[in-house]
Amino acid sequence: MQPANVIDGRAIAEQIHSETSQKIAALKSHGIIPGLVFIRVGDDAASVVYVGMKEKMSVRLGITSQTRVLPEQTTQEELLELIYKLNADASVHGILVQAPLPDHISQEIVYSSVKPEKDVDGFNPVNVGKLLLGDPTGFRPCTPAGIQELLIRSGVNTEGAEAVILGRGEIVGKPMAAILCQKAKGANATVTICHSRTRNIKEHCRRADILIAAMGNPKFVKADMIKPGTVVIDVGVNRVPDSSAKSGSRIVGDVDFDDVQPIAGKITPNPGGVGPMTIAMLMSNTARAAEIASGI
């Protein structure tokens, strides 16, 4: 049994899946089946697992999904040609290009090539711009959007709260800051972004009412870095050696859960916190993309 202050990301993700299922049922009553295509270039082990999890959820919710697996040596032009074909395919409502991509392919160019209305990952510059402008018609990146839902559905009051984000990445850190500072429900926070060049990072963390760790540093956040009652969200996915594990390694977050949990107001476990929410928001975005395309 989990401690009372642990946020159950799996349970909250199930709430969102239930809502998405209702949207998909409504679409199907009009003869519309949401379509989602995953593109994976190469055989990165983590990517294979992540895409597999997304495929499985698509099937469960009734989304028609397919995965296009391209060899590692695929050229950027070949990848873009596939994306342009999918952009023009009316049966495809969402396109997700799984990161990481091989070094010879520009991630920025690839994300820019996905039509904004099919960009269910929220990385096309049009959707990034809409997020910064507070325009709700764009798609938001799934992980930060999922974190906001975790906060809202866990009863965390973000109004005027000091939110400290560890990490300035394009996937979590920057969009998370943009989301939390909006004039909107589950936002209106005062946001600080800390990164590898931040001075006195512990002092920033101790000021936080909400601390979001997304820096890729195993168990970086310790109990002495937060004040009692802080809401702690762990986004980290770090593989560390573990001789007791069958694979010789295990996944840990950016937060030392055992150290921090006793004094946190609320805290996400890892796994079982943010991860399920990312998939839930992807499915929700895909249903919404189908709604937009069909005018429902």
C-alpha atoms as a PDB file:
ATOM      1  CA  MET A   1       0.000   0.000   0.000  1.00  0.00           C
ATOM      2  CA  GLN A   2       1.368   3.396  -0.988  1.00  0.00           C
ATOM      3  CA  PRO A   3       1.760   6.220   1.569  1.00  0.00           C
ATOM      4  CA  ALA A   4      -1.114   8.741   1.598  1.00  0.00           C
ATOM      5  CA  ASN A   5       0.973  11.521   0.052  1.00  0.00           C
ATOM      6  CA  VAL A   6       1.931   9.523  -3.062  1.00  0.00           C
ATOM      7  CA  ILE A   7       0.234  10.659  -6.273  1.00  0.00           C
ATOM      8  CA  ASP A   8      -1.031   7.633  -8.185  1.00  0.00           C
ATOM      9  CA  GLY A   9      -0.263   8.499 -11.805  1.00  0.00           C
ATOM     10  CA  ARG A  10      -1.695   5.239 -13.071  1.00  0.00           C
ATOM     11  CA  ALA A  11      -5.085   5.879 -11.453  1.00  0.00           C
ATOM     12  CA  ILE A  12      -5.268   9.439 -12.788  1.00  0.00           C
ATOM     13  CA  ALA A  13      -4.216   8.251 -16.242  1.00  0.00           C
ATOM     14  CA  GLU A  14      -7.119   5.790 -16.127  1.00  0.00           C
ATOM     15  CA  GLN A  15      -9.509   8.692 -15.495  1.00  0.00           C
ATOM     16  CA  ILE A  16      -8.238  10.382 -18.645  1.00  0.00           C
ATOM     17  CA  HIS A  17      -8.403   7.152 -20.659  1.00  0.00           C
ATOM     18  CA  SER A  18     -12.060   6.826 -19.632  1.00  0.00           C
ATOM     19  CA  GLU A  19     -12.752  10.358 -20.895  1.00  0.00           C
ATOM     20  CA  THR A  20     -10.855   9.653 -24.121  1.00  0.00           C
ATOM     21  CA  SER A  21     -12.828   6.434 -24.641  1.00  0.00           C
ATOM     22  CA  GLN A  22     -16.063   8.424 -24.513  1.00  0.00           C
ATOM     23  CA  LYS A  23     -14.735  10.828 -27.161  1.00  0.00           C
ATOM     24  CA  ILE A  24     -13.658   7.931 -29.381  1.00  0.00           C
ATOM     25  CA  ALA A  25     -17.083   6.292 -29.017  1.00  0.00           C
ATOM     26  CA  ALA A  26     -18.725   9.538 -30.111  1.00  0.00           C
ATOM     27  CA  LEU A  27     -16.401   9.762 -33.110  1.00  0.00           C
ATOM     28  CA  LYS A  28     -17.138   6.161 -34.102  1.00  0.00           C
ATOM     29  CA  SER A  29     -20.872   6.880 -33.952  1.00  0.00           C
ATOM     30  CA  HIS A  30     -20.182   9.300 -36.814  1.00  0.00           C
ATOM     31  CA  GLY A  31     -18.128   6.719 -38.699  1.00  0.00           C
ATOM     32  CA  ILE A  32     -14.784   8.233 -37.716  1.00  0.00           C
ATOM     33  CA  ILE A  33     -11.979   6.082 -36.314  1.00  0.00           C
ATOM     34  CA  PRO A  34      -9.015   8.022 -34.914  1.00  0.00           C
ATOM     35  CA  GLY A  35      -5.765   7.070 -36.650  1.00  0.00           C
ATOM     36  CA  LEU A  36      -2.301   7.364 -35.121  1.00  0.00           C
ATOM     37  CA  VAL A  37       1.031   6.568 -36.782  1.00  0.00           C
ATOM     38  CA  PHE A  38       4.292   6.074 -34.893  1.00  0.00           C
ATOM     39  CA  ILE A  39       7.568   6.487 -36.766  1.00  0.00           C
ATOM     40  CA  ARG A  40      10.670   4.883 -35.306  1.00  0.00           C
ATOM     41  CA  VAL A  41      14.082   5.199 -36.957  1.00  0.00           C
ATOM     42  CA  GLY A  42      16.525   2.520 -35.849  1.00  0.00           C
ATOM     43  CA  ASP A  43      16.286   0.074 -32.971  1.00  0.00           C
ATOM     44  CA  ASP A  44      16.970   2.135 -29.858  1.00  0.00           C
ATOM     45  CA  ALA A  45      15.968  -0.229 -27.050  1.00  0.00           C
ATOM     46  CA  ALA A  46      14.061   2.352 -25.010  1.00  0.00           C
ATOM     47  CA  SER A  47      12.220   3.602 -28.106  1.00  0.00           C
ATOM     48  CA  VAL A  48      11.080   0.070 -28.934  1.00  0.00           C
ATOM     49  CA  VAL A  49       9.602  -0.247 -25.425  1.00  0.00           C
ATOM     50  CA  TYR A  50       7.968   3.203 -25.415  1.00  0.00           C
ATOM     51  CA  VAL A  51       6.368   2.807 -28.831  1.00  0.00           C
ATOM     52  CA  GLY A  52       5.165  -0.663 -27.864  1.00  0.00           C
ATOM     53  CA  MET A  53       3.413   0.750 -24.775  1.00  0.00           C
ATOM     54  CA  LYS A  54       1.754   3.471 -26.856  1.00  0.00           C
ATOM     55  CA  GLU A  55       0.644   0.937 -29.467  1.00  0.00           C
ATOM     56  CA  LYS A  56      -0.878  -1.267 -26.785  1.00  0.00           C
ATOM     57  CA  MET A  57      -2.892   1.612 -25.343  1.00  0.00           C
ATOM     58  CA  SER A  58      -4.055   2.674 -28.800  1.00  0.00           C
ATOM     59  CA  VAL A  59      -5.478  -0.793 -29.387  1.00  0.00           C
ATOM     60  CA  ARG A  60      -7.172  -0.814 -25.991  1.00  0.00           C
ATOM     61  CA  LEU A  61      -8.907   2.529 -26.613  1.00  0.00           C
ATOM     62  CA  GLY A  62      -9.953   1.762 -30.185  1.00  0.00           C
ATOM     63  CA  ILE A  63      -7.490   4.002 -31.981  1.00  0.00           C
ATOM     64  CA  THR A  64      -6.212   2.583 -35.272  1.00  0.00           C
ATOM     65  CA  SER A  65      -2.438   2.677 -34.916  1.00  0.00           C
ATOM     66  CA  GLN A  66       0.495   1.559 -36.984  1.00  0.00           C
ATOM     67  CA  THR A  67       4.240   1.787 -36.517  1.00  0.00           C
ATOM     68  CA  ARG A  68       6.556   2.565 -39.393  1.00  0.00           C
ATOM     69  CA  VAL A  69      10.020   1.255 -38.531  1.00  0.00           C
ATOM     70  CA  LEU A  70      12.808   2.695 -40.673  1.00  0.00           C
ATOM     71  CA  PRO A  71      16.432   1.512 -40.696  1.00  0.00           C
ATOM     72  CA  GLU A  72      19.094   3.500 -38.863  1.00  0.00           C
ATOM     73  CA  GLN A  73      20.657   4.611 -42.153  1.00  0.00           C
ATOM     74  CA  THR A  74      17.430   6.191 -43.421  1.00  0.00           C
ATOM     75  CA  THR A  75      18.171   9.649 -44.819  1.00  0.00           C
ATOM     76  CA  GLN A  76      16.460  12.767 -43.594  1.00  0.00           C
ATOM     77  CA  GLU A  77      14.884  13.199 -47.027  1.00  0.00           C
ATOM     78  CA  GLU A  78      13.400   9.695 -46.897  1.00  0.00           C
ATOM     79  CA  LEU A  79      11.946  10.341 -43.457  1.00  0.00           C
ATOM     80  CA  LEU A  80      10.466  13.661 -44.557  1.00  0.00           C
ATOM     81  CA  GLU A  81       8.939  12.014 -47.620  1.00  0.00           C
ATOM     82  CA  LEU A  82       7.113   9.538 -45.362  1.00  0.00           C
ATOM     83  CA  ILE A  83       5.886  12.342 -43.097  1.00  0.00           C
ATOM     84  CA  TYR A  84       4.559  14.329 -46.076  1.00  0.00           C
ATOM     85  CA  LYS A  85       2.612  11.255 -47.249  1.00  0.00           C
ATOM     86  CA  LEU A  86       1.100  10.825 -43.787  1.00  0.00           C
ATOM     87  CA  ASN A  87       0.292  14.547 -43.634  1.00  0.00           C
ATOM     88  CA  ALA A  88      -1.805  14.071 -46.783  1.00  0.00           C
ATOM     89  CA  ASP A  89      -3.544  10.881 -45.573  1.00  0.00           C
ATOM     90  CA  ALA A  90      -7.003  11.781 -44.251  1.00  0.00           C
ATOM     91  CA  SER A  91      -7.219   8.545 -42.248  1.00  0.00           C
ATOM     92  CA  VAL A  92      -4.199   9.594 -40.167  1.00  0.00           C
ATOM     93  CA  HIS A  93      -5.107  12.099 -37.454  1.00  0.00           C
ATOM     94  CA  GLY A  94      -1.917  11.956 -35.410  1.00  0.00           C
ATOM     95  CA  ILE A  95       1.769  11.493 -36.237  1.00  0.00           C
ATOM     96  CA  LEU A  96       4.427  10.813 -33.618  1.00  0.00           C
ATOM     97  CA  VAL A  97       8.118  10.646 -34.525  1.00  0.00           C
ATOM     98  CA  GLN A  98       9.820   8.822 -31.668  1.00  0.00           C
ATOM     99  CA  ALA A  99      12.995  10.388 -30.285  1.00  0.00           C
ATOM    100  CA  PRO A 100      15.897   9.950 -30.313  1.00  0.00           C
ATOM    101  CA  LEU A 101      16.625  10.179 -34.026  1.00  0.00           C
ATOM    102  CA  PRO A 102      19.986   9.222 -35.567  1.00  0.00           C
ATOM    103  CA  ASP A 103      22.588  11.990 -35.474  1.00  0.00           C
ATOM    104  CA  HIS A 104      22.398  12.640 -39.218  1.00  0.00           C
ATOM    105  CA  ILE A 105      18.719  13.628 -38.983  1.00  0.00           C
ATOM    106  CA  SER A 106      17.663  17.046 -37.652  1.00  0.00           C
ATOM    107  CA  GLN A 107      15.047  16.634 -34.966  1.00  0.00           C
ATOM    108  CA  GLU A 108      13.968  20.276 -35.406  1.00  0.00           C
ATOM    109  CA  ILE A 109      13.396  19.902 -39.156  1.00  0.00           C
ATOM    110  CA  VAL A 110      11.501  16.650 -38.661  1.00  0.00           C
ATOM    111  CA  TYR A 111       9.192  18.068 -35.986  1.00  0.00           C
ATOM    112  CA  SER A 112       8.565  21.135 -38.153  1.00  0.00           C
ATOM    113  CA  SER A 113       7.509  18.898 -41.052  1.00  0.00           C
ATOM    114  CA  VAL A 114       4.573  17.309 -39.190  1.00  0.00           C
ATOM    115  CA  LYS A 115       1.379  19.257 -39.878  1.00  0.00           C
ATOM    116  CA  PRO A 116       0.429  21.227 -36.740  1.00  0.00           C
ATOM    117  CA  GLU A 117      -3.067  19.698 -36.713  1.00  0.00           C
ATOM    118  CA  LYS A 118      -1.534  16.187 -36.696  1.00  0.00           C
ATOM    119  CA  ASP A 119       1.275  17.041 -34.271  1.00  0.00           C
ATOM    120  CA  VAL A 120      -0.133  15.162 -31.273  1.00  0.00           C
ATOM    121  CA  ASP A 121       3.282  15.331 -29.582  1.00  0.00           C
ATOM    122  CA  GLY A 122       3.128  19.147 -29.531  1.00  0.00           C
ATOM    123  CA  PHE A 123       6.600  19.838 -30.944  1.00  0.00           C
ATOM    124  CA  ASN A 124       5.816  21.616 -34.210  1.00  0.00           C
ATOM    125  CA  PRO A 125       6.878  25.304 -33.865  1.00  0.00           C
ATOM    126  CA  VAL A 126       3.281  26.397 -34.519  1.00  0.00           C
ATOM    127  CA  ASN A 127       2.072  24.453 -31.484  1.00  0.00           C
ATOM    128  CA  VAL A 128       5.043  25.622 -29.414  1.00  0.00           C
ATOM    129  CA  GLY A 129       4.150  29.208 -30.326  1.00  0.00           C
ATOM    130  CA  LYS A 130       0.486  28.688 -29.466  1.00  0.00           C
ATOM    131  CA  LEU A 131       1.508  27.327 -26.068  1.00  0.00           C
ATOM    132  CA  LEU A 132       3.598  30.419 -25.331  1.00  0.00           C
ATOM    133  CA  LEU A 133       0.762  32.683 -26.475  1.00  0.00           C
ATOM    134  CA  GLY A 134      -1.784  30.852 -24.351  1.00  0.00           C
ATOM    135  CA  ASP A 135      -3.739  29.784 -27.449  1.00  0.00           C
ATOM    136  CA  PRO A 136      -5.732  26.649 -26.484  1.00  0.00           C
ATOM    137  CA  THR A 137      -6.211  25.540 -30.101  1.00  0.00           C
ATOM    138  CA  GLY A 138      -2.711  24.046 -30.273  1.00  0.00           C
ATOM    139  CA  PHE A 139      -1.483  20.675 -29.028  1.00  0.00           C
ATOM    140  CA  ARG A 140       0.632  20.748 -25.878  1.00  0.00           C
ATOM    141  CA  PRO A 141       3.572  18.389 -25.299  1.00  0.00           C
ATOM    142  CA  CYS A 142       2.277  15.273 -23.573  1.00  0.00           C
ATOM    143  CA  THR A 143       4.545  15.069 -20.525  1.00  0.00           C
ATOM    144  CA  PRO A 144       4.124  18.666 -19.278  1.00  0.00           C
ATOM    145  CA  ALA A 145       0.407  18.560 -20.076  1.00  0.00           C
ATOM    146  CA  GLY A 146       0.188  15.321 -18.098  1.00  0.00           C
ATOM    147  CA  ILE A 147       2.000  16.871 -15.149  1.00  0.00           C
ATOM    148  CA  GLN A 148      -0.504  19.729 -15.085  1.00  0.00           C
ATOM    149  CA  GLU A 149      -3.344  17.182 -15.031  1.00  0.00           C
ATOM    150  CA  LEU A 150      -1.633  15.363 -12.159  1.00  0.00           C
ATOM    151  CA  LEU A 151      -1.528  18.609 -10.190  1.00  0.00           C
ATOM    152  CA  ILE A 152      -5.138  19.559 -10.959  1.00  0.00           C
ATOM    153  CA  ARG A 153      -6.594  16.118 -10.268  1.00  0.00           C
ATOM    154  CA  SER A 154      -4.550  15.715  -7.082  1.00  0.00           C
ATOM    155  CA  GLY A 155      -6.001  18.925  -5.674  1.00  0.00           C
ATOM    156  CA  VAL A 156      -2.756  20.905  -5.808  1.00  0.00           C
ATOM    157  CA  ASN A 157      -3.400  24.657  -5.777  1.00  0.00           C
ATOM    158  CA  THR A 158      -1.054  26.294  -8.285  1.00  0.00           C
ATOM    159  CA  GLU A 159      -2.487  29.816  -7.902  1.00  0.00           C
ATOM    160  CA  GLY A 160       0.418  32.049  -6.885  1.00  0.00           C
ATOM    161  CA  ALA A 161       2.518  29.021  -5.968  1.00  0.00           C
ATOM    162  CA  GLU A 162       6.301  29.062  -6.282  1.00  0.00           C
ATOM    163  CA  ALA A 163       7.029  26.416  -8.926  1.00  0.00           C
ATOM    164  CA  VAL A 164      10.647  25.422  -9.464  1.00  0.00           C
ATOM    165  CA  ILE A 165      11.537  23.351 -12.524  1.00  0.00           C
ATOM    166  CA  LEU A 166      14.866  21.528 -12.632  1.00  0.00           C
ATOM    167  CA  GLY A 167      15.822  21.282 -16.302  1.00  0.00           C
ATOM    168  CA  ARG A 168      15.399  23.557 -19.319  1.00  0.00           C
ATOM    169  CA  GLY A 169      14.826  20.916 -22.005  1.00  0.00           C
ATOM    170  CA  GLU A 170      12.533  21.362 -24.980  1.00  0.00           C
ATOM    171  CA  ILE A 171      10.418  18.319 -24.082  1.00  0.00           C
ATOM    172  CA  VAL A 172       9.624  19.067 -20.424  1.00  0.00           C
ATOM    173  CA  GLY A 173      11.367  22.042 -18.804  1.00  0.00           C
ATOM    174  CA  LYS A 174      10.543  24.923 -21.148  1.00  0.00           C
ATOM    175  CA  PRO A 175       6.969  23.894 -22.042  1.00  0.00           C
ATOM    176  CA  MET A 176       6.262  23.099 -18.382  1.00  0.00           C
ATOM    177  CA  ALA A 177       7.241  26.641 -17.448  1.00  0.00           C
ATOM    178  CA  ALA A 178       5.043  28.029 -20.228  1.00  0.00           C
ATOM    179  CA  ILE A 179       2.059  26.000 -19.018  1.00  0.00           C
ATOM    180  CA  LEU A 180       2.359  26.898 -15.343  1.00  0.00           C
ATOM    181  CA  CYS A 181       2.666  30.649 -15.884  1.00  0.00           C
ATOM    182  CA  GLN A 182      -0.494  30.924 -18.048  1.00  0.00           C
ATOM    183  CA  LYS A 183      -3.611  32.736 -16.868  1.00  0.00           C
ATOM    184  CA  ALA A 184      -5.545  29.480 -16.620  1.00  0.00           C
ATOM    185  CA  LYS A 185      -6.826  26.748 -14.337  1.00  0.00           C
ATOM    186  CA  GLY A 186      -3.968  24.705 -12.926  1.00  0.00           C
ATOM    187  CA  ALA A 187      -1.523  27.516 -13.643  1.00  0.00           C
ATOM    188  CA  ASN A 188      -0.976  31.140 -12.481  1.00  0.00           C
ATOM    189  CA  ALA A 189       2.204  30.023 -10.726  1.00  0.00           C
ATOM    190  CA  THR A 190       5.430  31.966 -10.254  1.00  0.00           C
ATOM    191  CA  VAL A 191       7.951  29.888 -12.177  1.00  0.00           C
ATOM    192  CA  THR A 192      11.702  29.490 -11.792  1.00  0.00           C
ATOM    193  CA  ILE A 193      13.733  27.311 -14.173  1.00  0.00           C
ATOM    194  CA  CYS A 194      16.976  25.907 -12.773  1.00  0.00           C
ATOM    195  CA  HIS A 195      19.654  24.255 -14.909  1.00  0.00           C
ATOM    196  CA  SER A 196      23.309  23.230 -14.965  1.00  0.00           C
ATOM    197  CA  ARG A 197      24.491  26.854 -14.691  1.00  0.00           C
ATOM    198  CA  THR A 198      22.147  27.872 -11.885  1.00  0.00           C
ATOM    199  CA  ARG A 199      23.861  29.175  -8.768  1.00  0.00           C
ATOM    200  CA  ASN A 200      22.682  28.084  -5.317  1.00  0.00           C
ATOM    201  CA  ILE A 201      20.279  25.529  -6.758  1.00  0.00           C
ATOM    202  CA  LYS A 202      19.400  24.178  -3.302  1.00  0.00           C
ATOM    203  CA  GLU A 203      18.172  27.591  -2.207  1.00  0.00           C
ATOM    204  CA  HIS A 204      15.867  27.784  -5.212  1.00  0.00           C
ATOM    205  CA  CYS A 205      14.514  24.313  -4.475  1.00  0.00           C
ATOM    206  CA  ARG A 206      13.880  25.070  -0.809  1.00  0.00           C
ATOM    207  CA  ARG A 207      11.693  28.003  -1.835  1.00  0.00           C
ATOM    208  CA  ALA A 208       9.441  25.825  -3.996  1.00  0.00           C
ATOM    209  CA  ASP A 209       5.840  24.967  -3.230  1.00  0.00           C
ATOM    210  CA  ILE A 210       5.952  22.738  -6.316  1.00  0.00           C
ATOM    211  CA  LEU A 211       9.207  21.125  -7.466  1.00  0.00           C
ATOM    212  CA  ILE A 212       9.395  19.424 -10.866  1.00  0.00           C
ATOM    213  CA  ALA A 213      12.593  17.471 -11.487  1.00  0.00           C
ATOM    214  CA  ALA A 214      13.385  16.894 -15.166  1.00  0.00           C
ATOM    215  CA  MET A 215      17.133  17.169 -15.457  1.00  0.00           C
ATOM    216  CA  GLY A 216      18.288  13.586 -16.010  1.00  0.00           C
ATOM    217  CA  ASN A 217      20.376  13.343 -12.848  1.00  0.00           C
ATOM    218  CA  PRO A 218      19.771  10.148 -10.805  1.00  0.00           C
ATOM    219  CA  LYS A 219      18.370  10.801  -7.320  1.00  0.00           C
ATOM    220  CA  PHE A 220      19.548  14.406  -7.417  1.00  0.00           C
ATOM    221  CA  VAL A 221      16.784  15.796  -5.219  1.00  0.00           C
ATOM    222  CA  LYS A 222      17.323  14.987  -1.535  1.00  0.00           C
ATOM    223  CA  ALA A 223      15.276  15.760   1.561  1.00  0.00           C
ATOM    224  CA  ASP A 224      17.487  18.706   2.514  1.00  0.00           C
ATOM    225  CA  MET A 225      16.603  20.402  -0.782  1.00  0.00           C
ATOM    226  CA  ILE A 226      12.887  20.818  -0.109  1.00  0.00           C
ATOM    227  CA  LYS A 227      10.754  22.359   2.590  1.00  0.00           C
ATOM    228  CA  PRO A 228       8.131  20.255   4.376  1.00  0.00           C
ATOM    229  CA  GLY A 229       4.908  20.071   2.404  1.00  0.00           C
ATOM    230  CA  THR A 230       6.414  20.651  -1.039  1.00  0.00           C
ATOM    231  CA  VAL A 231       4.704  18.901  -3.969  1.00  0.00           C
ATOM    232  CA  VAL A 232       7.425  16.939  -5.775  1.00  0.00           C
ATOM    233  CA  ILE A 233       7.022  15.693  -9.353  1.00  0.00           C
ATOM    234  CA  ASP A 234       9.725  13.320 -10.617  1.00  0.00           C
ATOM    235  CA  VAL A 235      10.119  13.205 -14.412  1.00  0.00           C
ATOM    236  CA  GLY A 236      13.568  11.592 -14.509  1.00  0.00           C
ATOM    237  CA  VAL A 237      14.314   8.362 -16.349  1.00  0.00           C
ATOM    238  CA  ASN A 238      17.875   7.304 -15.539  1.00  0.00           C
ATOM    239  CA  ARG A 239      19.446   3.891 -15.976  1.00  0.00           C
ATOM    240  CA  VAL A 240      21.897   3.025 -13.202  1.00  0.00           C
ATOM    241  CA  PRO A 241      23.939  -0.144 -12.556  1.00  0.00           C
ATOM    242  CA  ASP A 242      22.301  -2.738 -10.312  1.00  0.00           C
ATOM    243  CA  SER A 243      23.959  -6.132  -9.885  1.00  0.00           C
ATOM    244  CA  SER A 244      20.814  -7.548  -8.288  1.00  0.00           C
ATOM    245  CA  ALA A 245      18.729  -6.843 -11.404  1.00  0.00           C
ATOM    246  CA  LYS A 246      18.506  -9.409 -14.184  1.00  0.00           C
ATOM    247  CA  SER A 247      19.558  -6.820 -16.770  1.00  0.00           C
ATOM    248  CA  GLY A 248      22.377  -5.523 -14.593  1.00  0.00           C
ATOM    249  CA  SER A 249      20.728  -2.113 -14.291  1.00  0.00           C
ATOM    250  CA  ARG A 250      17.525  -0.402 -13.173  1.00  0.00           C
ATOM    251  CA  ILE A 251      15.615   2.805 -13.808  1.00  0.00           C
ATOM    252  CA  VAL A 252      15.561   5.550 -11.164  1.00  0.00           C
ATOM    253  CA  GLY A 253      14.184   9.068 -11.177  1.00  0.00           C
ATOM    254  CA  ASP A 254      15.730  12.457 -10.475  1.00  0.00           C
ATOM    255  CA  VAL A 255      14.309  12.365  -6.940  1.00  0.00           C
ATOM    256  CA  ASP A 256      15.581  10.193  -4.098  1.00  0.00           C
ATOM    257  CA  PHE A 257      12.055   8.986  -3.316  1.00  0.00           C
ATOM    258  CA  ASP A 258      12.826   7.190  -0.047  1.00  0.00           C
ATOM    259  CA  ASP A 259      14.620  10.263   1.302  1.00  0.00           C
ATOM    260  CA  VAL A 260      12.116  12.879   0.118  1.00  0.00           C
ATOM    261  CA  GLN A 261       8.727  11.150   0.503  1.00  0.00           C
ATOM    262  CA  PRO A 262       8.475  11.447   4.317  1.00  0.00           C
ATOM    263  CA  ILE A 263       8.533  15.260   4.211  1.00  0.00           C
ATOM    264  CA  ALA A 264       6.856  15.970   0.859  1.00  0.00           C
ATOM    265  CA  GLY A 265       3.280  17.233   0.809  1.00  0.00           C
ATOM    266  CA  LYS A 266       2.635  15.115  -2.267  1.00  0.00           C
ATOM    267  CA  ILE A 267       5.079  13.175  -4.442  1.00  0.00           C
ATOM    268  CA  THR A 268       4.989  11.073  -7.596  1.00  0.00           C
ATOM    269  CA  PRO A 269       6.504   7.583  -7.530  1.00  0.00           C
ATOM    270  CA  ASN A 270       8.848   6.533 -10.290  1.00  0.00           C
ATOM    271  CA  PRO A 271       7.674   4.442 -12.096  1.00  0.00           C
ATOM    272  CA  GLY A 272       3.924   4.908 -11.808  1.00  0.00           C
ATOM    273  CA  GLY A 273       3.792   8.693 -11.671  1.00  0.00           C
ATOM    274  CA  VAL A 274       4.435  10.850 -14.710  1.00  0.00           C
ATOM    275  CA  GLY A 275       4.994   8.053 -17.258  1.00  0.00           C
ATOM    276  CA  PRO A 276       1.375   6.810 -17.513  1.00  0.00           C
ATOM    277  CA  MET A 277       0.204  10.418 -17.863  1.00  0.00           C
ATOM    278  CA  THR A 278       2.357  10.996 -20.932  1.00  0.00           C
ATOM    279  CA  ILE A 279       0.637   8.160 -22.763  1.00  0.00           C
ATOM    280  CA  ALA A 280      -2.781   9.282 -21.514  1.00  0.00           C
ATOM    281  CA  MET A 281      -2.280  12.778 -22.935  1.00  0.00           C
ATOM    282  CA  LEU A 282      -1.047  11.371 -26.256  1.00  0.00           C
ATOM    283  CA  MET A 283      -4.242   9.347 -26.620  1.00  0.00           C
ATOM    284  CA  SER A 284      -6.329  12.357 -25.599  1.00  0.00           C
ATOM    285  CA  ASN A 285      -4.551  14.554 -28.154  1.00  0.00           C
ATOM    286  CA  THR A 286      -5.163  11.962 -30.881  1.00  0.00           C
ATOM    287  CA  ALA A 287      -8.898  11.859 -30.145  1.00  0.00           C
ATOM    288  CA  ARG A 288      -8.972  15.638 -30.225  1.00  0.00           C
ATOM    289  CA  ALA A 289      -7.084  15.700 -33.542  1.00  0.00           C
ATOM    290  CA  ALA A 290      -9.763  13.418 -35.018  1.00  0.00           C
ATOM    291  CA  GLU A 291     -12.478  15.701 -33.654  1.00  0.00           C
ATOM    292  CA  ILE A 292     -10.829  18.745 -35.242  1.00  0.00           C
ATOM    293  CA  ALA A 293     -10.315  17.001 -38.583  1.00  0.00           C
ATOM    294  CA  SER A 294     -13.942  15.883 -38.720  1.00  0.00           C
ATOM    295  CA  GLY A 295     -15.440  19.094 -37.399  1.00  0.00           C
ATOM    296  CA  ILE A 296     -17.127  17.370 -34.461  1.00  0.00           C
END
